[in-house]
Amino acid sequence: MTQEEGVAAKVKQRAVRWLEDNRGLVIVLFCLPASLIFDLAMRVRCWVRRTFFSAPEKHDDRVRVIQKSVSEWNKLPSSERKLMCTAKPTWLSLSTTFFRKDQCHQIPIDLFDILELNEEQLTIRVEPNVTVRDLTRYLVPKGYTLAVTLEIGDATAGGLAFGVGMTTYSHKVGLYQETVVSYDVVLGDGSLVTATADNEHADLYRCLPWSHGTLGFLVALELKLIKVKPYIHMQYIPVKSQAEYCRRLMELSGALDKDADVPDYLEATIFNRERAVIMVGNFADVKTPKQWLQINHVTRWYKPWFYKHVESFQYKSGEEYIPLADYLLRHNRAIFWVLESMIPFGNNPIFRFFLGWMCPPKPAFLKFTTTKVVREMTFAKQVFQDIVLPLDTLKDQVNTAIELFDTFPLLVYPCKIFDHGLQHQGQLRPPPKERLTPGTNYAMFNDLGVYGTPGPVQRREKYNPTYAMREMEKFTRDVGGYSFLYADIFMTRKEFDEMFDLTLYHQVRDKYKANGAFPHLYDKVKPEIDVIAIGNQYAKGN
């Protein structure tokens, strides 16, 4: 290393350290106001689009424009045909990676409308860019919600369909993909197909989840709904030992007994190795004065962040009634608990009262303003992972996460993973027979959410994110789990093929003209930077 390079490295290290020490101040003074302006501009843009350009009856016309664009791509000389992707800016996605769309042929997918609500069949047909916030505002007043949704309002129906979605209702219905009735997809040759579980495109239907836009362009999908009541009666159950919260979640989720009386919503927040709060929620009406006094609008700007509210029940049980729309978006305001890493004083009552209305910083804005240095720092100094793992391994999951990351809280959502009786049922392998709940075709898995700043980073001890993440991925493969692919992965291609079953995926890519038209799944989701090399470099610098 030359003297100049050594000086540059020291300056960079000091700049990163200053940002770490003063990140709350920087975000409050610059990011929050800029993010607010950015968000207002996005909302105006959305209002204009929905007020003047929304036209569900013109959906077919818009799809034909997309087909025409793909057909024109096919007419290009082979030497000029880059792989296709959507023209949606990378910073608008909720993934933590920055796929190089500038190296692809971008096709605009300007589809933002709710197309049809079928109250008899309990389904809704939507275009892919409709957001969770849009659907919540549309459905809840009518007495419905998606069977599987997400707590972040900016997530889109299409993003969840081609990525993955899980919620606290998933112990009853499974992943988001289990609630999709049909997909309308424009293929690499410009043709339009509708894929369902039992039509001639059933193989495509099984592979579209977890495909991340590598098989075609989604132009519409039909989703299952559930009937709801206006409130969630929430019970907070403090648990004082690891053995107890592992046992209670197995029982409450119905993992041990298919006939168990399970709650409508179920989750746990783990605050240290031994202590957790289990949340049991059921649809409810509020009728009595006592019940009215127990209503808690948890998403209001001046309220404690939801996970901090939950933390207050570590040593005492409690109950309340949460308006359904508030419950569905309960983690939006603090981005689960990621905001604490950005604004350590953000849950202070004074800050919440005067500035809480500006939170959270818009995820799209944070990505839009991410520089190379910030990008490297965020994955090297923070962890943001969701992992699908067998629920009966919860003790080992938690202990492994503590050993590797030492950050709390940890999130747990139980979720059914189905065996549909097929050798190759998509990218997810069927659960082992010995894990199936007796008398069923499903096993109970869970999402383990690990978010925040690792303990060694907080204590300024040596920490190697490459080692930590690769060990977590190895544990996940060993127990038959899956990494959510919106976050940075550290797997080699061989390890990726061990975690996921790509047999049918490769057959579908060939059959439906995706080869040569769209990136391969691994290439689409792998980080755009060398996370292993950069992680090792940061480890040396600690």
Protein backbone atom coordinates (compact mmCIF):
# COMPACT_ATOMS: atom_id res chain seq x y z
CA MET A 1 0.00 0.00 0.00
CA THR A 2 1.40 3.41 -0.96
CA GLN A 3 1.55 6.32 1.48
CA GLU A 4 -1.28 8.06 -0.36
CA GLU A 5 -3.44 4.93 -0.18
CA GLY A 6 -2.69 4.62 3.52
CA VAL A 7 -3.75 8.21 4.17
CA ALA A 8 -6.94 7.71 2.13
CA ALA A 9 -7.77 4.55 4.09
CA LYS A 10 -7.34 6.37 7.42
CA VAL A 11 -9.50 9.29 6.27
CA LYS A 12 -12.19 6.85 5.12
CA GLN A 13 -12.03 4.97 8.43
CA ARG A 14 -12.34 8.21 10.43
CA ALA A 15 -15.23 9.39 8.27
CA VAL A 16 -17.06 6.11 8.80
CA ARG A 17 -16.43 6.30 12.54
CA TRP A 18 -17.73 9.89 12.66
CA LEU A 19 -20.87 8.85 10.80
CA GLU A 20 -21.35 5.99 13.25
CA ASP A 21 -20.91 8.24 16.27
CA ASN A 22 -23.20 10.98 14.93
CA ARG A 23 -25.61 9.06 12.71
CA GLY A 24 -28.67 10.12 14.71
CA LEU A 25 -27.84 13.81 14.39
CA VAL A 26 -27.03 13.52 10.68
CA ILE A 27 -30.29 11.71 9.96
CA VAL A 28 -32.43 14.15 11.98
CA LEU A 29 -30.86 17.29 10.52
CA PHE A 30 -30.56 16.15 6.91
CA CYS A 31 -32.15 12.79 6.11
CA LEU A 32 -35.53 13.22 7.81
CA PRO A 33 -36.36 16.61 6.24
CA ALA A 34 -35.07 15.51 2.84
CA SER A 35 -36.89 12.21 3.15
CA LEU A 36 -40.11 14.04 4.05
CA ILE A 37 -39.85 16.25 0.96
CA PHE A 38 -39.03 13.18 -1.11
CA ASP A 39 -42.04 11.32 0.33
CA LEU A 40 -44.37 14.26 -0.33
CA ALA A 41 -43.17 14.40 -3.93
CA MET A 42 -43.78 10.66 -4.29
CA ARG A 43 -47.26 11.00 -2.77
CA VAL A 44 -48.14 13.87 -5.14
CA ARG A 45 -46.88 11.77 -8.04
CA CYS A 46 -49.00 8.86 -6.85
CA TRP A 47 -52.07 11.09 -6.41
CA VAL A 48 -51.69 12.52 -9.91
CA ARG A 49 -51.28 9.05 -11.36
CA ARG A 50 -54.32 7.66 -9.56
CA THR A 51 -56.50 10.75 -10.12
CA PHE A 52 -55.78 11.41 -13.78
CA PHE A 53 -54.33 8.19 -15.14
CA SER A 54 -55.97 5.40 -13.16
CA ALA A 55 -58.10 3.33 -15.51
CA PRO A 56 -58.63 -0.31 -14.56
CA GLU A 57 -60.71 -0.76 -17.71
CA LYS A 58 -57.60 0.03 -19.77
CA HIS A 59 -55.50 -2.67 -18.13
CA ASP A 60 -55.46 -4.84 -21.26
CA ASP A 61 -54.29 -1.90 -23.37
CA ARG A 62 -51.42 -1.23 -20.98
CA VAL A 63 -50.42 -4.88 -21.06
CA ARG A 64 -50.35 -4.83 -24.86
CA VAL A 65 -47.90 -1.91 -24.70
CA ILE A 66 -45.61 -4.07 -22.54
CA GLN A 67 -45.98 -7.00 -24.92
CA LYS A 68 -45.09 -4.72 -27.82
CA SER A 69 -41.96 -3.53 -26.01
CA VAL A 70 -40.84 -7.12 -25.43
CA SER A 71 -41.60 -8.04 -29.04
CA GLU A 72 -39.48 -5.11 -30.23
CA TRP A 73 -36.63 -6.34 -28.03
CA ASN A 74 -36.88 -9.72 -29.73
CA LYS A 75 -36.41 -8.05 -33.12
CA LEU A 76 -33.08 -6.56 -32.11
CA PRO A 77 -29.92 -8.22 -33.45
CA SER A 78 -28.75 -10.83 -30.96
CA SER A 79 -25.56 -8.82 -30.36
CA GLU A 80 -27.68 -5.86 -29.15
CA ARG A 81 -30.09 -7.78 -26.92
CA LYS A 82 -29.27 -7.20 -23.27
CA LEU A 83 -31.10 -9.19 -20.61
CA MET A 84 -34.44 -7.59 -19.72
CA CYS A 85 -35.67 -6.20 -16.43
CA THR A 86 -38.31 -3.72 -15.33
CA ALA A 87 -37.60 0.00 -15.61
CA LYS A 88 -38.59 0.52 -11.96
CA PRO A 89 -35.61 2.24 -10.28
CA THR A 90 -33.61 -0.05 -8.01
CA TRP A 91 -33.96 2.45 -5.17
CA LEU A 92 -37.74 1.97 -5.20
CA SER A 93 -37.43 -1.71 -4.26
CA LEU A 94 -37.27 -2.81 -0.62
CA SER A 95 -34.34 -5.16 -1.20
CA THR A 96 -31.04 -4.19 0.37
CA THR A 97 -29.11 -4.90 -2.85
CA PHE A 98 -28.62 -2.69 -5.91
CA PHE A 99 -29.08 -4.85 -9.01
CA ARG A 100 -27.30 -3.27 -12.00
CA LYS A 101 -30.30 -2.37 -14.11
CA ASP A 102 -28.13 -0.03 -16.14
CA GLN A 103 -26.63 -3.13 -17.72
CA CYS A 104 -30.06 -4.44 -18.80
CA HIS A 105 -32.75 -3.59 -21.34
CA GLN A 106 -35.41 -1.92 -19.19
CA ILE A 107 -39.12 -2.36 -19.87
CA PRO A 108 -41.56 0.09 -18.20
CA ILE A 109 -44.27 -1.67 -16.17
CA ASP A 110 -46.61 1.22 -15.34
CA LEU A 111 -49.30 -0.84 -13.63
CA PHE A 112 -50.68 0.58 -10.37
CA ASP A 113 -54.42 -0.17 -10.32
CA ILE A 114 -56.71 -2.32 -8.23
CA LEU A 115 -58.64 -4.16 -10.93
CA GLU A 116 -61.43 -6.17 -9.32
CA LEU A 117 -62.75 -7.14 -5.89
CA ASN A 118 -64.71 -10.41 -5.89
CA GLU A 119 -66.54 -10.55 -2.57
CA GLU A 120 -68.16 -13.90 -3.36
CA GLN A 121 -64.89 -15.67 -4.10
CA LEU A 122 -62.98 -13.59 -1.52
CA THR A 123 -60.31 -12.56 -4.01
CA ILE A 124 -58.87 -9.34 -5.35
CA ARG A 125 -57.18 -8.83 -8.71
CA VAL A 126 -54.49 -6.15 -8.79
CA GLU A 127 -51.67 -4.82 -10.90
CA PRO A 128 -48.18 -5.51 -9.55
CA ASN A 129 -47.27 -2.01 -8.30
CA VAL A 130 -50.22 -1.68 -5.93
CA THR A 131 -48.75 -1.26 -2.45
CA VAL A 132 -49.62 -2.85 0.86
CA ARG A 133 -50.69 0.60 2.09
CA ASP A 134 -53.03 0.96 -0.92
CA LEU A 135 -54.58 -2.45 -0.28
CA THR A 136 -54.95 -1.88 3.45
CA ARG A 137 -56.76 1.43 2.90
CA TYR A 138 -58.97 -0.12 0.24
CA LEU A 139 -59.85 -3.42 1.92
CA VAL A 140 -60.08 -2.84 5.66
CA PRO A 141 -63.07 -0.42 5.51
CA LYS A 142 -64.86 -3.07 3.44
CA GLY A 143 -64.21 -5.77 6.05
CA TYR A 144 -61.37 -7.64 4.31
CA THR A 145 -57.61 -7.92 4.26
CA LEU A 146 -55.06 -9.96 2.36
CA ALA A 147 -54.57 -13.42 3.82
CA VAL A 148 -50.84 -12.61 3.89
CA THR A 149 -49.58 -9.05 3.92
CA LEU A 150 -46.47 -7.23 5.13
CA GLU A 151 -45.92 -4.64 7.85
CA ILE A 152 -44.14 -2.19 5.55
CA GLY A 153 -46.58 -0.01 3.62
CA ASP A 154 -44.33 0.53 0.58
CA ALA A 155 -44.11 -3.20 -0.23
CA THR A 156 -45.91 -4.03 -3.48
CA ALA A 157 -48.18 -6.91 -4.39
CA GLY A 158 -45.88 -7.85 -7.25
CA GLY A 159 -42.72 -7.61 -5.17
CA LEU A 160 -44.18 -9.97 -2.58
CA ALA A 161 -45.40 -12.33 -5.31
CA PHE A 162 -42.03 -12.71 -7.04
CA GLY A 163 -40.08 -12.38 -3.79
CA VAL A 164 -41.62 -13.71 -0.62
CA GLY A 165 -44.14 -12.55 1.95
CA MET A 166 -44.92 -13.77 5.43
CA THR A 167 -47.04 -12.40 8.23
CA THR A 168 -48.35 -13.28 11.64
CA TYR A 169 -51.30 -15.01 9.94
CA SER A 170 -48.94 -17.40 8.14
CA HIS A 171 -49.21 -20.11 10.79
CA LYS A 172 -52.73 -20.54 9.38
CA VAL A 173 -52.21 -20.15 5.61
CA GLY A 174 -48.47 -20.28 4.88
CA LEU A 175 -46.37 -17.97 2.74
CA TYR A 176 -47.76 -15.27 0.45
CA GLN A 177 -47.39 -17.62 -2.53
CA GLU A 178 -50.02 -19.95 -1.04
CA THR A 179 -52.58 -17.14 -1.30
CA VAL A 180 -51.98 -16.33 -4.98
CA VAL A 181 -54.79 -17.64 -7.18
CA SER A 182 -53.26 -16.65 -10.53
CA TYR A 183 -50.43 -14.74 -12.17
CA ASP A 184 -50.66 -12.91 -15.51
CA VAL A 185 -47.17 -12.88 -16.99
CA VAL A 186 -45.61 -11.49 -20.16
CA LEU A 187 -42.95 -13.98 -21.24
CA GLY A 188 -39.61 -13.42 -22.94
CA ASP A 189 -41.16 -13.81 -26.40
CA GLY A 190 -43.86 -11.20 -25.70
CA SER A 191 -46.71 -13.66 -25.20
CA LEU A 192 -49.15 -13.33 -22.29
CA VAL A 193 -50.06 -16.32 -20.14
CA THR A 194 -52.16 -16.84 -17.03
CA ALA A 195 -50.63 -19.33 -14.61
CA THR A 196 -52.70 -21.11 -11.96
CA ALA A 197 -52.10 -24.14 -9.78
CA ASP A 198 -54.13 -26.44 -12.03
CA ASN A 199 -53.94 -25.14 -15.62
CA GLU A 200 -51.45 -25.89 -18.38
CA HIS A 201 -49.00 -23.39 -16.89
CA ALA A 202 -48.95 -24.94 -13.42
CA ASP A 203 -45.19 -25.48 -13.65
CA LEU A 204 -44.70 -21.74 -14.19
CA TYR A 205 -47.13 -21.03 -11.34
CA ARG A 206 -44.96 -23.05 -8.95
CA CYS A 207 -41.72 -21.31 -9.95
CA LEU A 208 -42.82 -17.66 -10.03
CA PRO A 209 -42.56 -17.27 -6.23
CA TRP A 210 -38.94 -16.59 -5.22
CA SER A 211 -38.09 -15.95 -8.91
CA HIS A 212 -37.48 -12.19 -8.43
CA GLY A 213 -38.50 -11.26 -11.98
CA THR A 214 -36.26 -13.79 -13.74
CA LEU A 215 -39.03 -15.68 -15.56
CA GLY A 216 -41.19 -12.92 -17.01
CA PHE A 217 -42.93 -9.63 -16.35
CA LEU A 218 -45.83 -9.77 -13.90
CA VAL A 219 -48.76 -7.69 -15.14
CA ALA A 220 -51.57 -8.82 -12.79
CA LEU A 221 -52.26 -11.26 -10.00
CA GLU A 222 -55.27 -12.50 -8.10
CA LEU A 223 -54.98 -12.85 -4.32
CA LYS A 224 -57.02 -14.53 -1.60
CA LEU A 225 -58.71 -12.40 1.04
CA ILE A 226 -60.02 -13.10 4.52
CA LYS A 227 -62.98 -11.52 6.30
CA VAL A 228 -62.03 -9.42 9.28
CA LYS A 229 -63.39 -7.43 12.18
CA PRO A 230 -62.42 -3.82 12.95
CA TYR A 231 -60.02 -4.61 15.81
CA ILE A 232 -57.41 -7.07 16.94
CA HIS A 233 -57.74 -8.16 20.55
CA MET A 234 -54.05 -8.40 21.46
CA GLN A 235 -52.75 -10.36 24.41
CA TYR A 236 -49.14 -9.93 25.51
CA ILE A 237 -47.67 -13.01 27.20
CA PRO A 238 -44.29 -12.59 28.93
CA VAL A 239 -42.07 -15.68 28.84
CA LYS A 240 -39.14 -16.14 31.20
CA SER A 241 -37.14 -18.99 29.66
CA GLN A 242 -35.98 -20.13 26.26
CA ALA A 243 -37.46 -23.58 26.74
CA GLU A 244 -40.84 -22.02 27.54
CA TYR A 245 -41.09 -19.71 24.52
CA CYS A 246 -39.97 -22.52 22.20
CA ARG A 247 -42.63 -24.83 23.67
CA ARG A 248 -45.39 -22.21 23.71
CA LEU A 249 -44.85 -21.27 20.06
CA MET A 250 -45.03 -24.90 19.00
CA GLU A 251 -48.32 -25.27 20.88
CA LEU A 252 -49.92 -21.96 19.93
CA SER A 253 -49.05 -22.29 16.22
CA GLY A 254 -50.67 -25.72 15.91
CA ALA A 255 -47.36 -27.34 14.97
CA LEU A 256 -48.08 -30.32 17.23
CA ASP A 257 -51.82 -30.74 16.64
CA LYS A 258 -53.69 -29.93 13.44
CA ASP A 259 -56.93 -29.54 15.43
CA ALA A 260 -55.49 -27.05 17.91
CA ASP A 261 -57.47 -23.85 18.43
CA VAL A 262 -54.91 -21.38 17.08
CA PRO A 263 -55.17 -17.57 17.28
CA ASP A 264 -55.69 -15.42 14.19
CA TYR A 265 -52.31 -13.73 14.59
CA LEU A 266 -49.23 -15.05 16.36
CA GLU A 267 -45.71 -13.71 16.80
CA ALA A 268 -42.94 -13.41 19.35
CA THR A 269 -40.31 -10.78 20.07
CA ILE A 270 -37.23 -12.13 21.84
CA PHE A 271 -35.41 -9.55 23.97
CA ASN A 272 -32.58 -11.74 25.27
CA ARG A 273 -31.74 -15.43 25.28
CA GLU A 274 -34.27 -16.24 27.99
CA ARG A 275 -36.90 -13.52 27.81
CA ALA A 276 -39.56 -13.00 25.15
CA VAL A 277 -43.05 -11.63 24.71
CA ILE A 278 -45.50 -13.77 22.75
CA MET A 279 -48.33 -11.86 21.08
CA VAL A 280 -51.65 -13.57 20.47
CA GLY A 281 -54.14 -11.59 18.40
CA ASN A 282 -57.73 -12.33 17.41
CA PHE A 283 -60.27 -10.41 15.33
CA ALA A 284 -62.69 -8.57 17.58
CA ASP A 285 -65.43 -5.98 17.85
CA VAL A 286 -65.28 -3.29 20.50
CA LYS A 287 -68.62 -2.91 22.24
CA THR A 288 -68.25 -2.16 25.94
CA PRO A 289 -66.91 1.01 27.62
CA LYS A 290 -64.08 -1.04 29.11
CA GLN A 291 -63.07 -2.24 25.65
CA TRP A 292 -63.20 1.28 24.23
CA LEU A 293 -60.79 2.41 26.93
CA GLN A 294 -58.39 -0.38 25.86
CA ILE A 295 -58.11 0.82 22.25
CA ASN A 296 -54.53 1.65 21.27
CA HIS A 297 -53.73 3.36 17.94
CA VAL A 298 -50.17 2.05 17.84
CA THR A 299 -49.16 3.75 14.57
CA ARG A 300 -49.74 7.35 15.67
CA TRP A 301 -46.55 9.40 15.50
CA TYR A 302 -46.38 10.22 19.21
CA LYS A 303 -46.82 6.62 20.35
CA PRO A 304 -43.87 4.47 21.46
CA TRP A 305 -42.40 2.37 18.68
CA PHE A 306 -44.34 -0.87 18.60
CA TYR A 307 -41.49 -3.14 19.66
CA LYS A 308 -40.73 -0.78 22.57
CA HIS A 309 -44.39 -1.00 23.53
CA VAL A 310 -44.10 -4.79 23.43
CA GLU A 311 -40.93 -4.61 25.52
CA SER A 312 -42.93 -3.06 28.36
CA PHE A 313 -44.74 -6.40 28.76
CA GLN A 314 -41.59 -8.41 29.54
CA TYR A 315 -42.52 -8.75 33.19
CA LYS A 316 -46.30 -8.42 33.14
CA SER A 317 -49.04 -9.65 30.88
CA GLY A 318 -51.48 -7.27 29.23
CA GLU A 319 -54.19 -6.90 26.65
CA GLU A 320 -55.61 -4.19 24.41
CA TYR A 321 -57.57 -3.60 21.22
CA ILE A 322 -55.66 -2.37 18.18
CA PRO A 323 -57.50 -1.06 15.10
CA LEU A 324 -56.84 -3.57 12.34
CA ALA A 325 -55.17 -1.12 9.94
CA ASP A 326 -52.85 -0.03 12.77
CA TYR A 327 -52.01 -3.62 13.58
CA LEU A 328 -51.22 -4.55 9.99
CA LEU A 329 -48.73 -1.67 9.70
CA ARG A 330 -47.54 -1.73 13.32
CA HIS A 331 -43.84 -2.08 12.44
CA ASN A 332 -43.84 0.49 9.63
CA ARG A 333 -43.00 3.53 11.77
CA ALA A 334 -39.74 2.13 13.20
CA ILE A 335 -39.04 -0.24 10.25
CA PHE A 336 -39.35 -3.02 12.84
CA TRP A 337 -36.43 -1.80 15.04
CA VAL A 338 -33.97 -0.74 12.37
CA LEU A 339 -34.70 2.95 13.02
CA GLU A 340 -33.02 2.69 16.42
CA SER A 341 -29.71 2.01 14.65
CA MET A 342 -30.23 5.23 12.69
CA ILE A 343 -31.72 7.43 15.44
CA PRO A 344 -30.74 6.02 18.86
CA PHE A 345 -32.90 8.64 20.61
CA GLY A 346 -35.84 8.26 18.23
CA ASN A 347 -38.14 6.63 20.78
CA ASN A 348 -37.64 9.45 23.30
CA PRO A 349 -41.10 10.92 24.11
CA ILE A 350 -39.94 14.47 23.36
CA PHE A 351 -38.52 13.46 19.99
CA ARG A 352 -41.63 11.46 19.13
CA PHE A 353 -43.97 14.30 20.00
CA PHE A 354 -42.16 17.02 18.07
CA LEU A 355 -40.49 15.11 15.21
CA GLY A 356 -42.02 11.63 15.23
CA TRP A 357 -44.40 12.63 12.43
CA MET A 358 -41.41 12.72 10.05
CA CYS A 359 -40.51 9.08 10.75
CA PRO A 360 -39.54 6.75 9.34
CA PRO A 361 -37.06 7.90 6.72
CA LYS A 362 -38.45 6.71 3.41
CA PRO A 363 -36.72 3.41 2.49
CA ALA A 364 -36.66 4.54 -1.14
CA PHE A 365 -34.94 7.78 -0.14
CA LEU A 366 -32.33 5.93 1.91
CA LYS A 367 -31.53 3.75 -1.10
CA PHE A 368 -31.66 6.70 -3.49
CA THR A 369 -29.00 8.56 -1.48
CA THR A 370 -26.79 5.56 -0.73
CA THR A 371 -23.18 6.04 -1.77
CA LYS A 372 -20.62 3.28 -2.27
CA VAL A 373 -19.06 3.95 1.14
CA VAL A 374 -22.46 3.95 2.88
CA ARG A 375 -23.47 0.78 1.02
CA GLU A 376 -20.34 -1.01 2.20
CA MET A 377 -20.78 0.27 5.75
CA THR A 378 -24.43 -0.74 6.04
CA PHE A 379 -23.85 -4.41 5.27
CA ALA A 380 -20.51 -4.58 7.12
CA LYS A 381 -21.73 -2.77 10.25
CA GLN A 382 -25.38 -3.84 10.32
CA VAL A 383 -27.40 -6.98 9.82
CA PHE A 384 -30.78 -7.17 8.12
CA GLN A 385 -31.85 -10.75 7.51
CA ASP A 386 -35.06 -12.78 7.42
CA ILE A 387 -34.63 -16.54 7.40
CA VAL A 388 -37.19 -19.35 7.08
CA LEU A 389 -36.32 -22.19 9.46
CA PRO A 390 -38.09 -25.22 11.01
CA LEU A 391 -39.84 -24.08 14.17
CA ASP A 392 -38.64 -27.12 16.12
CA THR A 393 -35.09 -25.76 15.75
CA LEU A 394 -35.96 -22.40 17.34
CA LYS A 395 -33.62 -22.88 20.29
CA ASP A 396 -30.68 -23.56 17.97
CA GLN A 397 -31.73 -20.67 15.70
CA VAL A 398 -31.69 -18.17 18.54
CA ASN A 399 -28.44 -19.45 20.04
CA THR A 400 -26.73 -19.36 16.63
CA ALA A 401 -27.98 -15.82 15.94
CA ILE A 402 -26.76 -14.68 19.36
CA GLU A 403 -23.35 -16.26 18.84
CA LEU A 404 -22.91 -14.72 15.39
CA PHE A 405 -24.64 -11.33 15.70
CA ASP A 406 -25.42 -10.68 19.38
CA THR A 407 -28.19 -8.22 18.58
CA PHE A 408 -31.71 -7.95 19.95
CA PRO A 409 -34.65 -8.05 19.62
CA LEU A 410 -35.21 -11.07 17.40
CA LEU A 411 -38.48 -11.53 15.53
CA VAL A 412 -40.31 -14.86 15.19
CA TYR A 413 -43.33 -15.51 12.95
CA PRO A 414 -44.51 -19.15 12.74
CA CYS A 415 -45.44 -20.19 9.19
CA LYS A 416 -46.69 -23.32 7.41
CA ILE A 417 -44.50 -24.72 4.64
CA PHE A 418 -46.47 -27.15 2.49
CA ASP A 419 -45.65 -30.42 0.80
CA HIS A 420 -47.81 -30.33 -2.32
CA GLY A 421 -46.97 -33.91 -3.22
CA LEU A 422 -44.54 -33.02 -6.00
CA GLN A 423 -40.90 -33.97 -6.25
CA HIS A 424 -40.04 -30.50 -7.53
CA GLN A 425 -42.62 -27.93 -6.39
CA GLY A 426 -40.64 -24.78 -7.07
CA GLN A 427 -37.61 -23.21 -5.47
CA LEU A 428 -38.62 -24.41 -1.99
CA ARG A 429 -38.05 -28.07 -1.24
CA PRO A 430 -40.95 -29.96 0.41
CA PRO A 431 -40.46 -30.23 4.18
CA PRO A 432 -39.15 -33.61 5.41
CA LYS A 433 -41.88 -36.13 6.21
CA GLU A 434 -40.71 -36.41 9.81
CA ARG A 435 -41.36 -32.69 10.34
CA LEU A 436 -44.95 -32.70 9.06
CA THR A 437 -47.66 -31.96 11.59
CA PRO A 438 -49.41 -35.34 12.08
CA GLY A 439 -52.25 -35.83 9.60
CA THR A 440 -51.32 -32.84 7.42
CA ASN A 441 -49.26 -31.91 4.37
CA TYR A 442 -47.38 -29.08 6.10
CA ALA A 443 -44.60 -28.51 8.59
CA MET A 444 -44.40 -25.50 10.87
CA PHE A 445 -41.44 -23.26 10.07
CA ASN A 446 -40.81 -19.70 11.21
CA ASP A 447 -39.30 -16.47 10.06
CA LEU A 448 -36.34 -15.47 12.18
CA GLY A 449 -35.79 -11.74 11.77
CA VAL A 450 -32.35 -10.44 12.72
CA TYR A 451 -32.11 -6.66 12.32
CA GLY A 452 -29.83 -4.00 13.70
CA THR A 453 -26.23 -3.38 14.69
CA PRO A 454 -24.29 -6.49 15.80
CA GLY A 455 -23.10 -6.40 19.41
CA PRO A 456 -19.39 -6.50 18.53
CA VAL A 457 -19.84 -3.46 16.28
CA GLN A 458 -21.59 -1.56 19.07
CA ARG A 459 -18.78 -2.48 21.46
CA ARG A 460 -16.15 -1.74 18.76
CA GLU A 461 -14.78 -5.24 18.99
CA LYS A 462 -13.51 -7.30 16.09
CA TYR A 463 -16.38 -8.44 13.89
CA ASN A 464 -16.27 -10.20 10.56
CA PRO A 465 -19.63 -9.91 8.74
CA THR A 466 -18.44 -12.37 6.09
CA TYR A 467 -17.82 -15.08 8.69
CA ALA A 468 -21.06 -14.34 10.57
CA MET A 469 -23.29 -14.42 7.50
CA ARG A 470 -21.67 -17.46 5.91
CA GLU A 471 -22.01 -19.38 9.18
CA MET A 472 -25.69 -18.36 9.45
CA GLU A 473 -26.28 -19.48 5.87
CA LYS A 474 -24.55 -22.79 6.59
CA PHE A 475 -26.77 -23.32 9.64
CA THR A 476 -29.79 -22.52 7.48
CA ARG A 477 -28.81 -25.07 4.84
CA ASP A 478 -28.03 -27.71 7.46
CA VAL A 479 -31.51 -27.54 9.02
CA GLY A 480 -33.35 -27.29 5.68
CA GLY A 481 -34.21 -23.59 5.79
CA TYR A 482 -34.17 -20.72 3.31
CA SER A 483 -32.73 -17.22 3.25
CA PHE A 484 -35.04 -14.43 2.10
CA LEU A 485 -33.43 -13.16 -1.09
CA TYR A 486 -34.20 -9.45 -0.67
CA ALA A 487 -31.17 -9.21 1.64
CA ASP A 488 -27.48 -9.66 0.92
CA ILE A 489 -26.43 -13.28 0.45
CA PHE A 490 -22.91 -14.60 0.90
CA MET A 491 -23.45 -18.00 -0.74
CA THR A 492 -21.51 -19.36 -3.67
CA ARG A 493 -23.52 -20.64 -6.63
CA LYS A 494 -23.00 -24.22 -5.41
CA GLU A 495 -24.24 -23.36 -1.92
CA PHE A 496 -27.21 -21.51 -3.39
CA ASP A 497 -28.14 -24.64 -5.36
CA GLU A 498 -27.95 -26.66 -2.14
CA MET A 499 -30.34 -24.33 -0.31
CA PHE A 500 -32.86 -24.03 -3.14
CA ASP A 501 -34.26 -26.61 -5.55
CA LEU A 502 -33.71 -25.12 -9.00
CA THR A 503 -34.56 -28.26 -11.00
CA LEU A 504 -38.03 -27.14 -12.10
CA TYR A 505 -36.88 -23.51 -12.28
CA HIS A 506 -34.32 -24.40 -14.97
CA GLN A 507 -36.91 -26.42 -16.90
CA VAL A 508 -39.34 -23.49 -16.75
CA ARG A 509 -36.69 -21.01 -17.87
CA ASP A 510 -36.13 -23.09 -20.97
CA LYS A 511 -39.81 -23.81 -21.67
CA TYR A 512 -41.04 -20.24 -21.22
CA LYS A 513 -38.29 -18.41 -23.14
CA ALA A 514 -36.54 -16.93 -20.11
CA ASN A 515 -33.04 -18.09 -21.04
CA GLY A 516 -31.30 -15.26 -22.82
CA ALA A 517 -34.15 -12.90 -21.95
CA PHE A 518 -33.92 -12.53 -18.16
CA PRO A 519 -31.07 -12.87 -15.64
CA HIS A 520 -30.65 -16.12 -13.74
CA LEU A 521 -32.05 -16.05 -10.20
CA TYR A 522 -28.63 -16.25 -8.55
CA ASP A 523 -27.26 -13.44 -10.71
CA LYS A 524 -30.33 -11.32 -9.98
CA VAL A 525 -30.17 -11.57 -6.19
CA LYS A 526 -26.46 -11.77 -5.47
CA PRO A 527 -25.00 -8.49 -4.16
CA GLU A 528 -23.67 -6.08 -6.75
CA ILE A 529 -20.49 -5.71 -4.71
CA ASP A 530 -18.02 -8.31 -3.45
CA VAL A 531 -19.48 -8.64 0.03
CA ILE A 532 -17.03 -11.35 1.06
CA ALA A 533 -13.93 -9.33 0.20
CA ILE A 534 -15.32 -6.09 1.66
CA GLY A 535 -16.51 -7.86 4.81
CA ASN A 536 -13.06 -9.34 5.36
CA GLN A 537 -11.51 -5.93 4.75
CA TYR A 538 -13.76 -4.27 7.34
CA ALA A 539 -12.94 -7.07 9.79
CA LYS A 540 -9.25 -6.24 9.51
CA GLY A 541 -9.99 -2.59 10.10
CA ASN A 542 -11.93 -3.13 13.35
